[in-house]
């Protein structure tokens, strides 16, 4: 089971994670975002050492259809998106998809 956390996105987005100790990251140039983001995310999805990939929700629109589908269906590594218009259910849905149960379910 992979234990590394990776973060991908603009330097402004990745800096806080790097300061918190995340060692695996990919900074993406704003002017070449579509190409660089696709390559960075695909590389992290194919790697064996990353268990969680963190990226900004707004960057999802810059991914190609194939990479976006891989991100949306990936269980390991789990892809967590933050910020943007995801709403409060976004992270809950991602956790539910990753582990298969709803930890917040009202019973």
C-alpha atoms as a PDB file:
ATOM      1  CA  UNK A   1       0.000   0.000   0.000  1.00  0.00           C
ATOM      2  CA  UNK A   2       1.406   3.379  -1.040  1.00  0.00           C
ATOM      3  CA  UNK A   3       1.965   5.980   1.644  1.00  0.00           C
ATOM      4  CA  UNK A   4       3.171   9.076  -0.224  1.00  0.00           C
ATOM      5  CA  UNK A   5       0.998  12.136  -0.735  1.00  0.00           C
ATOM      6  CA  UNK A   6       1.562  14.074  -3.944  1.00  0.00           C
ATOM      7  CA  UNK A   7       0.269  17.508  -4.880  1.00  0.00           C
ATOM      8  CA  UNK A   8      -0.052  18.855  -8.407  1.00  0.00           C
ATOM      9  CA  UNK A   9      -0.983  22.339  -9.593  1.00  0.00           C
ATOM     10  CA  UNK A  10       0.228  25.908  -9.714  1.00  0.00           C
ATOM     11  CA  UNK A  11       3.212  26.897  -7.569  1.00  0.00           C
ATOM     12  CA  UNK A  12       0.846  28.933  -5.386  1.00  0.00           C
ATOM     13  CA  UNK A  13      -1.254  25.824  -4.737  1.00  0.00           C
ATOM     14  CA  UNK A  14       1.625  23.432  -4.069  1.00  0.00           C
ATOM     15  CA  UNK A  15       3.697  25.714  -1.813  1.00  0.00           C
ATOM     16  CA  UNK A  16       1.565  25.254   1.318  1.00  0.00           C
ATOM     17  CA  UNK A  17       1.668  21.483   0.958  1.00  0.00           C
ATOM     18  CA  UNK A  18       5.417  21.557   0.440  1.00  0.00           C
ATOM     19  CA  UNK A  19       5.851  23.650   3.592  1.00  0.00           C
ATOM     20  CA  UNK A  20       3.744  21.074   5.446  1.00  0.00           C
ATOM     21  CA  UNK A  21       6.157  18.323   4.394  1.00  0.00           C
ATOM     22  CA  UNK A  22       4.733  16.905   1.158  1.00  0.00           C
ATOM     23  CA  UNK A  23       7.808  15.843  -0.797  1.00  0.00           C
ATOM     24  CA  UNK A  24       6.206  14.721  -4.058  1.00  0.00           C
ATOM     25  CA  UNK A  25       4.822  17.555  -6.133  1.00  0.00           C
ATOM     26  CA  UNK A  26       4.464  18.842  -9.674  1.00  0.00           C
ATOM     27  CA  UNK A  27       4.320  22.555 -10.358  1.00  0.00           C
ATOM     28  CA  UNK A  28       2.360  23.361 -13.497  1.00  0.00           C
ATOM     29  CA  UNK A  29       2.925  26.496 -15.578  1.00  0.00           C
ATOM     30  CA  UNK A  30      -0.308  28.506 -15.905  1.00  0.00           C
ATOM     31  CA  UNK A  31       0.406  29.196 -19.598  1.00  0.00           C
ATOM     32  CA  UNK A  32       0.906  25.523 -20.488  1.00  0.00           C
ATOM     33  CA  UNK A  33      -1.524  24.089 -17.955  1.00  0.00           C
ATOM     34  CA  UNK A  34      -3.426  21.670 -20.221  1.00  0.00           C
ATOM     35  CA  UNK A  35      -0.347  19.819 -21.466  1.00  0.00           C
ATOM     36  CA  UNK A  36       1.700  19.898 -18.272  1.00  0.00           C
ATOM     37  CA  UNK A  37      -1.212  19.023 -15.982  1.00  0.00           C
ATOM     38  CA  UNK A  38      -2.182  15.997 -18.079  1.00  0.00           C
ATOM     39  CA  UNK A  39       1.398  14.711 -18.092  1.00  0.00           C
ATOM     40  CA  UNK A  40       1.922  15.326 -14.359  1.00  0.00           C
ATOM     41  CA  UNK A  41      -1.341  13.693 -13.265  1.00  0.00           C
ATOM     42  CA  UNK A  42      -0.925  10.702 -15.603  1.00  0.00           C
ATOM     43  CA  UNK A  43       2.612  10.168 -14.315  1.00  0.00           C
ATOM     44  CA  UNK A  44       1.428  10.221 -10.685  1.00  0.00           C
ATOM     45  CA  UNK A  45      -1.459   7.852 -11.464  1.00  0.00           C
ATOM     46  CA  UNK A  46       0.979   5.399 -13.072  1.00  0.00           C
ATOM     47  CA  UNK A  47       3.519   5.548 -10.225  1.00  0.00           C
ATOM     48  CA  UNK A  48       3.725   3.002  -7.419  1.00  0.00           C
ATOM     49  CA  UNK A  49       4.819   5.241  -4.557  1.00  0.00           C
ATOM     50  CA  UNK A  50       1.851   7.649  -4.333  1.00  0.00           C
ATOM     51  CA  UNK A  51      -1.306   6.789  -2.382  1.00  0.00           C
ATOM     52  CA  UNK A  52      -3.057  10.176  -2.516  1.00  0.00           C
ATOM     53  CA  UNK A  53      -2.930  12.869  -5.189  1.00  0.00           C
ATOM     54  CA  UNK A  54      -4.142  16.341  -4.201  1.00  0.00           C
ATOM     55  CA  UNK A  55      -5.128  18.877  -6.841  1.00  0.00           C
ATOM     56  CA  UNK A  56      -7.319  21.963  -7.148  1.00  0.00           C
ATOM     57  CA  UNK A  57     -10.909  21.323  -8.257  1.00  0.00           C
ATOM     58  CA  UNK A  58     -10.687  24.086 -10.893  1.00  0.00           C
ATOM     59  CA  UNK A  59      -7.822  22.234 -12.591  1.00  0.00           C
ATOM     60  CA  UNK A  60     -10.107  19.333 -13.517  1.00  0.00           C
ATOM     61  CA  UNK A  61     -11.370  21.279 -16.565  1.00  0.00           C
ATOM     62  CA  UNK A  62      -7.797  21.411 -17.915  1.00  0.00           C
ATOM     63  CA  UNK A  63      -7.424  17.625 -17.998  1.00  0.00           C
ATOM     64  CA  UNK A  64      -8.026  15.673 -21.173  1.00  0.00           C
ATOM     65  CA  UNK A  65     -11.084  13.433 -21.225  1.00  0.00           C
ATOM     66  CA  UNK A  66      -9.025  10.263 -20.751  1.00  0.00           C
ATOM     67  CA  UNK A  67      -6.999  11.559 -17.798  1.00  0.00           C
ATOM     68  CA  UNK A  68     -10.104  13.101 -16.188  1.00  0.00           C
ATOM     69  CA  UNK A  69     -11.888   9.738 -16.388  1.00  0.00           C
ATOM     70  CA  UNK A  70      -8.883   8.033 -14.776  1.00  0.00           C
ATOM     71  CA  UNK A  71      -8.883  10.650 -11.990  1.00  0.00           C
ATOM     72  CA  UNK A  72     -12.609  10.257 -11.362  1.00  0.00           C
ATOM     73  CA  UNK A  73     -12.436   6.461 -11.163  1.00  0.00           C
ATOM     74  CA  UNK A  74      -9.064   5.982  -9.459  1.00  0.00           C
ATOM     75  CA  UNK A  75      -9.140   4.203  -6.122  1.00  0.00           C
ATOM     76  CA  UNK A  76      -5.392   3.911  -5.622  1.00  0.00           C
ATOM     77  CA  UNK A  77      -4.020   6.416  -5.755  1.00  0.00           C
ATOM     78  CA  UNK A  78      -7.031   8.278  -4.420  1.00  0.00           C
ATOM     79  CA  UNK A  79      -7.388  11.707  -6.017  1.00  0.00           C
ATOM     80  CA  UNK A  80      -8.638  14.471  -3.735  1.00  0.00           C
ATOM     81  CA  UNK A  81      -9.658  17.812  -5.204  1.00  0.00           C
ATOM     82  CA  UNK A  82      -9.839  20.930  -3.063  1.00  0.00           C
ATOM     83  CA  UNK A  83     -11.320  24.379  -3.539  1.00  0.00           C
ATOM     84  CA  UNK A  84     -13.382  25.569  -6.461  1.00  0.00           C
ATOM     85  CA  UNK A  85     -17.090  24.956  -6.807  1.00  0.00           C
ATOM     86  CA  UNK A  86     -17.061  21.386  -5.476  1.00  0.00           C
ATOM     87  CA  UNK A  87     -19.291  22.226  -2.531  1.00  0.00           C
ATOM     88  CA  UNK A  88     -19.387  20.452   0.793  1.00  0.00           C
ATOM     89  CA  UNK A  89     -20.288  17.071  -0.725  1.00  0.00           C
ATOM     90  CA  UNK A  90     -17.207  16.917  -2.964  1.00  0.00           C
ATOM     91  CA  UNK A  91     -14.704  15.595  -0.429  1.00  0.00           C
ATOM     92  CA  UNK A  92     -17.338  13.348   1.173  1.00  0.00           C
ATOM     93  CA  UNK A  93     -18.104  11.758  -2.205  1.00  0.00           C
ATOM     94  CA  UNK A  94     -14.398  11.265  -2.923  1.00  0.00           C
ATOM     95  CA  UNK A  95     -13.838   9.514   0.418  1.00  0.00           C
ATOM     96  CA  UNK A  96     -16.907   7.353  -0.117  1.00  0.00           C
ATOM     97  CA  UNK A  97     -15.647   6.339  -3.568  1.00  0.00           C
ATOM     98  CA  UNK A  98     -12.123   5.627  -2.269  1.00  0.00           C
ATOM     99  CA  UNK A  99     -13.053   3.427   0.707  1.00  0.00           C
ATOM    100  CA  UNK A 100     -16.452   2.161  -0.410  1.00  0.00           C
ATOM    101  CA  UNK A 101     -18.538   3.357   2.546  1.00  0.00           C
ATOM    102  CA  UNK A 102     -20.051   6.639   3.703  1.00  0.00           C
ATOM    103  CA  UNK A 103     -18.500   7.528   7.063  1.00  0.00           C
ATOM    104  CA  UNK A 104     -20.985  10.367   7.583  1.00  0.00           C
ATOM    105  CA  UNK A 105     -24.121   8.365   6.834  1.00  0.00           C
ATOM    106  CA  UNK A 106     -27.040   9.198   9.134  1.00  0.00           C
ATOM    107  CA  UNK A 107     -28.512   6.015  10.605  1.00  0.00           C
END
